Amino acid sequence: MAQVKKIALYVIVGFVLYTIITSPARAADLVQVGFEGIASAAQGVGEFMSELIK
């Protein structure tokens, strides 16, 4: 099972590197969307916690 996980990790890393090399603009867009989603989720949690304290 450990071998399968290691192979899957190599495949994923290879795909990410291939995507970045062949289309850096698209890869940057995907990273930006991901960070915007994380920031939005964190803001929502912060607002929720603020409302709980009030």
C-alpha atoms as a PDB file:
ATOM      1  CA  MET A   1       0.000   0.000   0.000  1.00  0.00           C
ATOM      2  CA  ALA A   2       2.888   2.355   0.729  1.00  0.00           C
ATOM      3  CA  GLN A   3       4.190   1.851  -2.811  1.00  0.00           C
ATOM      4  CA  VAL A   4       0.821   2.875  -4.280  1.00  0.00           C
ATOM      5  CA  LYS A   5       0.790   6.084  -2.226  1.00  0.00           C
ATOM      6  CA  LYS A   6       4.343   6.904  -3.283  1.00  0.00           C
ATOM      7  CA  ILE A   7       3.545   6.324  -6.964  1.00  0.00           C
ATOM      8  CA  ALA A   8       0.364   8.408  -6.707  1.00  0.00           C
ATOM      9  CA  LEU A   9       2.327  11.238  -5.089  1.00  0.00           C
ATOM     10  CA  TYR A  10       4.914  11.154  -7.901  1.00  0.00           C
ATOM     11  CA  VAL A  11       2.161  11.227 -10.519  1.00  0.00           C
ATOM     12  CA  ILE A  12       0.460  14.196  -8.875  1.00  0.00           C
ATOM     13  CA  VAL A  13       3.721  16.120  -8.488  1.00  0.00           C
ATOM     14  CA  GLY A  14       4.603  15.346 -12.099  1.00  0.00           C
ATOM     15  CA  PHE A  15       1.226  16.574 -13.296  1.00  0.00           C
ATOM     16  CA  VAL A  16       1.515  19.792 -11.293  1.00  0.00           C
ATOM     17  CA  LEU A  17       5.000  20.471 -12.650  1.00  0.00           C
ATOM     18  CA  TYR A  18       3.849  19.697 -16.205  1.00  0.00           C
ATOM     19  CA  THR A  19       0.914  22.091 -15.829  1.00  0.00           C
ATOM     20  CA  ILE A  20       3.112  24.866 -14.455  1.00  0.00           C
ATOM     21  CA  ILE A  21       5.705  24.445 -17.206  1.00  0.00           C
ATOM     22  CA  THR A  22       3.280  24.197 -20.120  1.00  0.00           C
ATOM     23  CA  SER A  23       0.769  26.825 -18.979  1.00  0.00           C
ATOM     24  CA  PRO A  24       2.098  29.082 -16.224  1.00  0.00           C
ATOM     25  CA  ALA A  25      -0.660  31.683 -16.651  1.00  0.00           C
ATOM     26  CA  ARG A  26      -3.399  29.071 -16.191  1.00  0.00           C
ATOM     27  CA  ALA A  27      -1.572  27.561 -13.219  1.00  0.00           C
ATOM     28  CA  ALA A  28      -1.324  31.014 -11.616  1.00  0.00           C
ATOM     29  CA  ASP A  29      -5.056  31.549 -12.152  1.00  0.00           C
ATOM     30  CA  LEU A  30      -5.841  28.239 -10.452  1.00  0.00           C
ATOM     31  CA  VAL A  31      -3.624  29.079  -7.477  1.00  0.00           C
ATOM     32  CA  GLN A  32      -5.247  32.504  -7.174  1.00  0.00           C
ATOM     33  CA  VAL A  33      -8.725  30.967  -7.191  1.00  0.00           C
ATOM     34  CA  GLY A  34      -7.634  28.507  -4.519  1.00  0.00           C
ATOM     35  CA  PHE A  35      -6.235  31.214  -2.264  1.00  0.00           C
ATOM     36  CA  GLU A  36      -9.336  33.372  -2.754  1.00  0.00           C
ATOM     37  CA  GLY A  37     -11.473  30.424  -1.670  1.00  0.00           C
ATOM     38  CA  ILE A  38      -9.346  29.833   1.421  1.00  0.00           C
ATOM     39  CA  ALA A  39      -9.417  33.549   2.298  1.00  0.00           C
ATOM     40  CA  SER A  40     -13.183  33.669   1.868  1.00  0.00           C
ATOM     41  CA  ALA A  41     -13.650  30.624   4.090  1.00  0.00           C
ATOM     42  CA  ALA A  42     -11.391  32.098   6.776  1.00  0.00           C
ATOM     43  CA  GLN A  43     -13.297  35.377   6.657  1.00  0.00           C
ATOM     44  CA  GLY A  44     -16.575  33.508   7.053  1.00  0.00           C
ATOM     45  CA  VAL A  45     -15.263  31.606  10.070  1.00  0.00           C
ATOM     46  CA  GLY A  46     -14.016  34.867  11.573  1.00  0.00           C
ATOM     47  CA  GLU A  47     -17.389  36.529  11.133  1.00  0.00           C
ATOM     48  CA  PHE A  48     -19.120  33.499  12.637  1.00  0.00           C
ATOM     49  CA  MET A  49     -16.864  33.556  15.692  1.00  0.00           C
ATOM     50  CA  SER A  50     -17.367  37.314  16.084  1.00  0.00           C
ATOM     51  CA  GLU A  51     -21.135  36.847  16.078  1.00  0.00           C
ATOM     52  CA  LEU A  52     -20.888  34.071  18.653  1.00  0.00           C
ATOM     53  CA  ILE A  53     -18.972  36.362  21.002  1.00  0.00           C
ATOM     54  CA  LYS A  54     -21.567  39.166  20.690  1.00  0.00           C
END
